[in-house]
């Protein structure tokens, strides 16, 4: 969970709930983005990964992606963006 302005724009009850929960569980955007930025700066990054905790770059799980699904998503993206 990341502290962002999106959480602050919720209805009143949700805003109060998020404020309490965020105090206990949410991290900063900088900490939450640590693993992805660290991976993108490396030459040996293999692709889709899941990290259980921000800042724990070595604790990663490789995500298997079906090539046909990747092609389908890319085709839809190109169609939507005229790219």
N, C-alpha and C. Protein backbone atom coordinates (compact mmCIF):
# COMPACT_ATOMS: atom_id res chain seq x y z
N UNK A 1 0.85 -1.18 0.00
CA UNK A 1 0.00 0.00 0.00
C UNK A 1 0.89 1.23 0.00
N UNK A 2 0.56 2.18 -0.86
CA UNK A 2 1.35 3.39 -1.00
C UNK A 2 0.50 4.60 -0.65
N UNK A 3 1.11 5.54 0.05
CA UNK A 3 0.42 6.79 0.37
C UNK A 3 0.42 7.67 -0.89
N UNK A 4 -0.76 7.85 -1.48
CA UNK A 4 -0.88 8.71 -2.66
C UNK A 4 -2.08 9.62 -2.51
N UNK A 5 -2.18 10.61 -3.39
CA UNK A 5 -3.32 11.52 -3.38
C UNK A 5 -4.62 10.80 -3.73
N UNK A 6 -4.54 9.70 -4.46
CA UNK A 6 -5.75 8.94 -4.80
C UNK A 6 -6.48 8.49 -3.54
N UNK A 7 -5.73 8.07 -2.54
CA UNK A 7 -6.35 7.63 -1.30
C UNK A 7 -7.03 8.78 -0.57
N UNK A 8 -6.49 9.98 -0.72
CA UNK A 8 -7.06 11.14 -0.02
C UNK A 8 -8.32 11.67 -0.69
N UNK A 9 -8.61 11.24 -1.91
CA UNK A 9 -9.77 11.75 -2.65
C UNK A 9 -10.98 10.83 -2.53
N UNK A 10 -10.97 9.92 -1.59
CA UNK A 10 -12.08 8.99 -1.40
C UNK A 10 -13.20 9.64 -0.57
N UNK A 11 -14.40 9.04 -0.57
CA UNK A 11 -15.47 9.53 0.30
C UNK A 11 -15.03 9.53 1.76
N UNK A 12 -15.72 10.28 2.59
CA UNK A 12 -15.31 10.54 3.97
C UNK A 12 -15.02 9.24 4.76
N UNK A 13 -15.93 8.27 4.73
CA UNK A 13 -15.73 7.04 5.49
C UNK A 13 -14.47 6.31 5.01
N UNK A 14 -14.32 6.24 3.70
CA UNK A 14 -13.14 5.58 3.15
C UNK A 14 -11.87 6.35 3.52
N UNK A 15 -11.94 7.66 3.50
CA UNK A 15 -10.78 8.50 3.82
C UNK A 15 -10.33 8.25 5.27
N UNK A 16 -11.29 8.16 6.19
CA UNK A 16 -10.96 7.90 7.59
C UNK A 16 -10.35 6.51 7.73
N UNK A 17 -10.95 5.53 7.09
CA UNK A 17 -10.43 4.16 7.15
C UNK A 17 -9.02 4.09 6.57
N UNK A 18 -8.83 4.71 5.43
CA UNK A 18 -7.51 4.70 4.79
C UNK A 18 -6.48 5.42 5.65
N UNK A 19 -6.88 6.49 6.29
CA UNK A 19 -5.94 7.23 7.15
C UNK A 19 -5.44 6.34 8.28
N UNK A 20 -6.35 5.61 8.89
CA UNK A 20 -5.96 4.72 10.00
C UNK A 20 -5.11 3.56 9.47
N UNK A 21 -5.57 2.92 8.42
CA UNK A 21 -4.86 1.76 7.87
C UNK A 21 -3.51 2.20 7.30
N UNK A 22 -3.48 3.33 6.60
CA UNK A 22 -2.24 3.80 5.99
C UNK A 22 -1.18 4.09 7.04
N UNK A 23 -1.60 4.56 8.19
CA UNK A 23 -0.65 4.83 9.26
C UNK A 23 0.07 3.56 9.67
N UNK A 24 -0.65 2.45 9.63
CA UNK A 24 -0.07 1.18 10.05
C UNK A 24 0.68 0.44 8.94
N UNK A 25 0.18 0.55 7.70
CA UNK A 25 0.70 -0.33 6.65
C UNK A 25 1.32 0.38 5.44
N UNK A 26 0.93 1.60 5.14
CA UNK A 26 1.37 2.24 3.90
C UNK A 26 2.80 2.74 4.00
N UNK A 27 3.46 2.70 2.88
CA UNK A 27 4.81 3.22 2.79
C UNK A 27 4.86 4.39 1.83
N UNK A 28 6.01 5.01 1.76
CA UNK A 28 6.17 6.13 0.85
C UNK A 28 6.27 5.64 -0.59
N UNK A 29 6.03 6.54 -1.52
CA UNK A 29 6.15 6.21 -2.93
C UNK A 29 7.59 5.80 -3.24
N UNK A 30 8.54 6.52 -2.65
CA UNK A 30 9.95 6.23 -2.89
C UNK A 30 10.31 4.81 -2.45
N UNK A 31 9.86 4.41 -1.26
CA UNK A 31 10.17 3.07 -0.77
C UNK A 31 9.46 2.02 -1.60
N UNK A 32 8.21 2.29 -1.97
CA UNK A 32 7.44 1.31 -2.74
C UNK A 32 8.01 1.10 -4.13
N UNK A 33 8.61 2.12 -4.71
CA UNK A 33 9.16 2.04 -6.06
C UNK A 33 10.59 1.52 -6.09
N UNK A 34 11.20 1.31 -4.93
CA UNK A 34 12.61 0.94 -4.86
C UNK A 34 12.96 -0.26 -5.73
N UNK A 35 12.23 -1.36 -5.60
CA UNK A 35 12.58 -2.59 -6.32
C UNK A 35 12.46 -2.44 -7.83
N UNK A 36 11.39 -1.80 -8.28
CA UNK A 36 11.19 -1.64 -9.72
C UNK A 36 12.26 -0.74 -10.31
N UNK A 37 12.58 0.34 -9.64
CA UNK A 37 13.62 1.25 -10.15
C UNK A 37 14.97 0.56 -10.12
N UNK A 38 15.25 -0.15 -9.05
CA UNK A 38 16.52 -0.89 -8.95
C UNK A 38 16.64 -1.89 -10.11
N UNK A 39 15.56 -2.60 -10.39
CA UNK A 39 15.57 -3.59 -11.47
C UNK A 39 15.75 -2.94 -12.83
N UNK A 40 15.09 -1.82 -13.05
CA UNK A 40 15.16 -1.16 -14.37
C UNK A 40 16.54 -0.57 -14.65
N UNK A 41 17.33 -0.33 -13.63
CA UNK A 41 18.67 0.21 -13.81
C UNK A 41 19.73 -0.87 -14.04
N UNK A 42 19.33 -2.12 -13.91
CA UNK A 42 20.28 -3.23 -14.08
C UNK A 42 20.20 -3.79 -15.50
N UNK A 43 21.32 -4.27 -16.00
CA UNK A 43 21.34 -4.88 -17.33
C UNK A 43 20.86 -6.33 -17.31
N UNK A 44 20.89 -6.97 -16.14
CA UNK A 44 20.57 -8.39 -16.07
C UNK A 44 19.13 -8.67 -15.62
N UNK A 45 18.29 -7.67 -15.58
CA UNK A 45 16.91 -7.88 -15.15
C UNK A 45 16.18 -8.68 -16.21
N UNK A 46 15.57 -9.80 -15.80
CA UNK A 46 14.99 -10.75 -16.76
C UNK A 46 13.56 -10.41 -17.17
N UNK A 47 12.83 -9.67 -16.41
CA UNK A 47 11.44 -9.37 -16.78
C UNK A 47 10.53 -9.33 -15.58
N UNK A 48 9.32 -9.81 -15.77
CA UNK A 48 8.29 -9.71 -14.74
C UNK A 48 8.71 -10.39 -13.44
N UNK A 49 8.68 -9.63 -12.37
CA UNK A 49 9.05 -10.12 -11.05
C UNK A 49 8.02 -9.65 -10.02
N UNK A 50 7.93 -10.39 -8.92
CA UNK A 50 7.12 -9.96 -7.79
C UNK A 50 8.03 -9.89 -6.58
N UNK A 51 7.96 -8.78 -5.86
CA UNK A 51 8.72 -8.63 -4.64
C UNK A 51 7.73 -8.53 -3.49
N UNK A 52 7.92 -9.35 -2.48
CA UNK A 52 7.02 -9.35 -1.33
C UNK A 52 7.11 -8.11 -0.48
N UNK A 53 8.31 -7.51 -0.41
CA UNK A 53 8.49 -6.34 0.43
C UNK A 53 9.29 -5.28 -0.33
N UNK A 54 8.87 -4.02 -0.21
CA UNK A 54 9.68 -2.95 -0.80
C UNK A 54 11.06 -2.91 -0.16
N UNK A 55 12.06 -2.73 -0.97
CA UNK A 55 13.43 -2.65 -0.48
C UNK A 55 14.13 -4.00 -0.40
N UNK A 56 13.39 -5.10 -0.53
CA UNK A 56 13.99 -6.44 -0.48
C UNK A 56 14.17 -6.96 -1.91
N UNK A 57 15.11 -6.36 -2.64
CA UNK A 57 15.28 -6.68 -4.05
C UNK A 57 15.67 -8.13 -4.28
N UNK A 58 16.44 -8.70 -3.39
CA UNK A 58 16.87 -10.08 -3.56
C UNK A 58 15.77 -11.11 -3.34
N UNK A 59 14.69 -10.72 -2.70
CA UNK A 59 13.58 -11.63 -2.41
C UNK A 59 12.52 -11.46 -3.50
N UNK A 60 12.71 -12.13 -4.63
CA UNK A 60 11.83 -11.94 -5.77
C UNK A 60 11.33 -13.27 -6.31
N UNK A 61 10.17 -13.22 -6.92
CA UNK A 61 9.56 -14.38 -7.55
C UNK A 61 9.33 -14.05 -9.01
N UNK A 62 9.84 -14.89 -9.90
CA UNK A 62 9.66 -14.66 -11.33
C UNK A 62 8.21 -14.96 -11.70
N UNK A 63 7.60 -14.11 -12.50
CA UNK A 63 6.23 -14.29 -12.94
C UNK A 63 6.25 -14.82 -14.37
N UNK A 64 5.68 -15.99 -14.56
CA UNK A 64 5.61 -16.57 -15.89
C UNK A 64 4.49 -15.91 -16.68
N UNK A 65 4.81 -15.41 -17.85
CA UNK A 65 3.84 -14.73 -18.69
C UNK A 65 3.64 -15.53 -19.97
N UNK A 66 2.39 -15.83 -20.29
CA UNK A 66 2.06 -16.58 -21.49
C UNK A 66 2.32 -15.71 -22.72
N UNK A 67 3.21 -16.12 -23.63
CA UNK A 67 3.53 -15.29 -24.80
C UNK A 67 2.32 -14.88 -25.63
N UNK A 68 1.34 -15.75 -25.77
CA UNK A 68 0.15 -15.39 -26.56
C UNK A 68 -0.63 -14.27 -25.88
N UNK A 69 -0.65 -14.26 -24.55
CA UNK A 69 -1.34 -13.18 -23.82
C UNK A 69 -0.60 -11.86 -23.98
N UNK A 70 0.72 -11.93 -23.96
CA UNK A 70 1.52 -10.72 -24.17
C UNK A 70 1.22 -10.12 -25.54
N UNK A 71 1.19 -10.96 -26.56
CA UNK A 71 0.91 -10.48 -27.91
C UNK A 71 -0.49 -9.87 -28.00
N UNK A 72 -1.46 -10.51 -27.34
CA UNK A 72 -2.83 -10.01 -27.36
C UNK A 72 -2.92 -8.64 -26.68
N UNK A 73 -2.28 -8.49 -25.52
CA UNK A 73 -2.29 -7.21 -24.81
C UNK A 73 -1.57 -6.14 -25.62
N UNK A 74 -0.45 -6.49 -26.24
CA UNK A 74 0.29 -5.53 -27.07
C UNK A 74 -0.55 -5.09 -28.27
N UNK A 75 -1.27 -6.01 -28.90
CA UNK A 75 -2.11 -5.67 -30.04
C UNK A 75 -3.23 -4.71 -29.61
N UNK A 76 -3.84 -4.97 -28.48
CA UNK A 76 -4.89 -4.08 -27.98
C UNK A 76 -4.31 -2.71 -27.64
N UNK A 77 -3.13 -2.69 -27.03
CA UNK A 77 -2.49 -1.44 -26.70
C UNK A 77 -2.18 -0.62 -27.94
N UNK A 78 -1.64 -1.27 -28.96
CA UNK A 78 -1.34 -0.57 -30.21
C UNK A 78 -2.59 -0.02 -30.86
N UNK A 79 -3.67 -0.80 -30.81
CA UNK A 79 -4.94 -0.37 -31.40
C UNK A 79 -5.48 0.86 -30.65
N UNK A 80 -5.40 0.84 -29.34
CA UNK A 80 -5.92 1.94 -28.53
C UNK A 80 -5.10 3.21 -28.66
N UNK A 81 -3.79 3.05 -28.86
CA UNK A 81 -2.89 4.22 -28.91
C UNK A 81 -2.50 4.61 -30.33
N UNK A 82 -2.96 3.89 -31.31
CA UNK A 82 -2.59 4.14 -32.71
C UNK A 82 -1.08 4.09 -32.89
N UNK A 83 -0.42 3.24 -32.15
CA UNK A 83 1.05 3.14 -32.24
C UNK A 83 1.45 2.06 -33.23
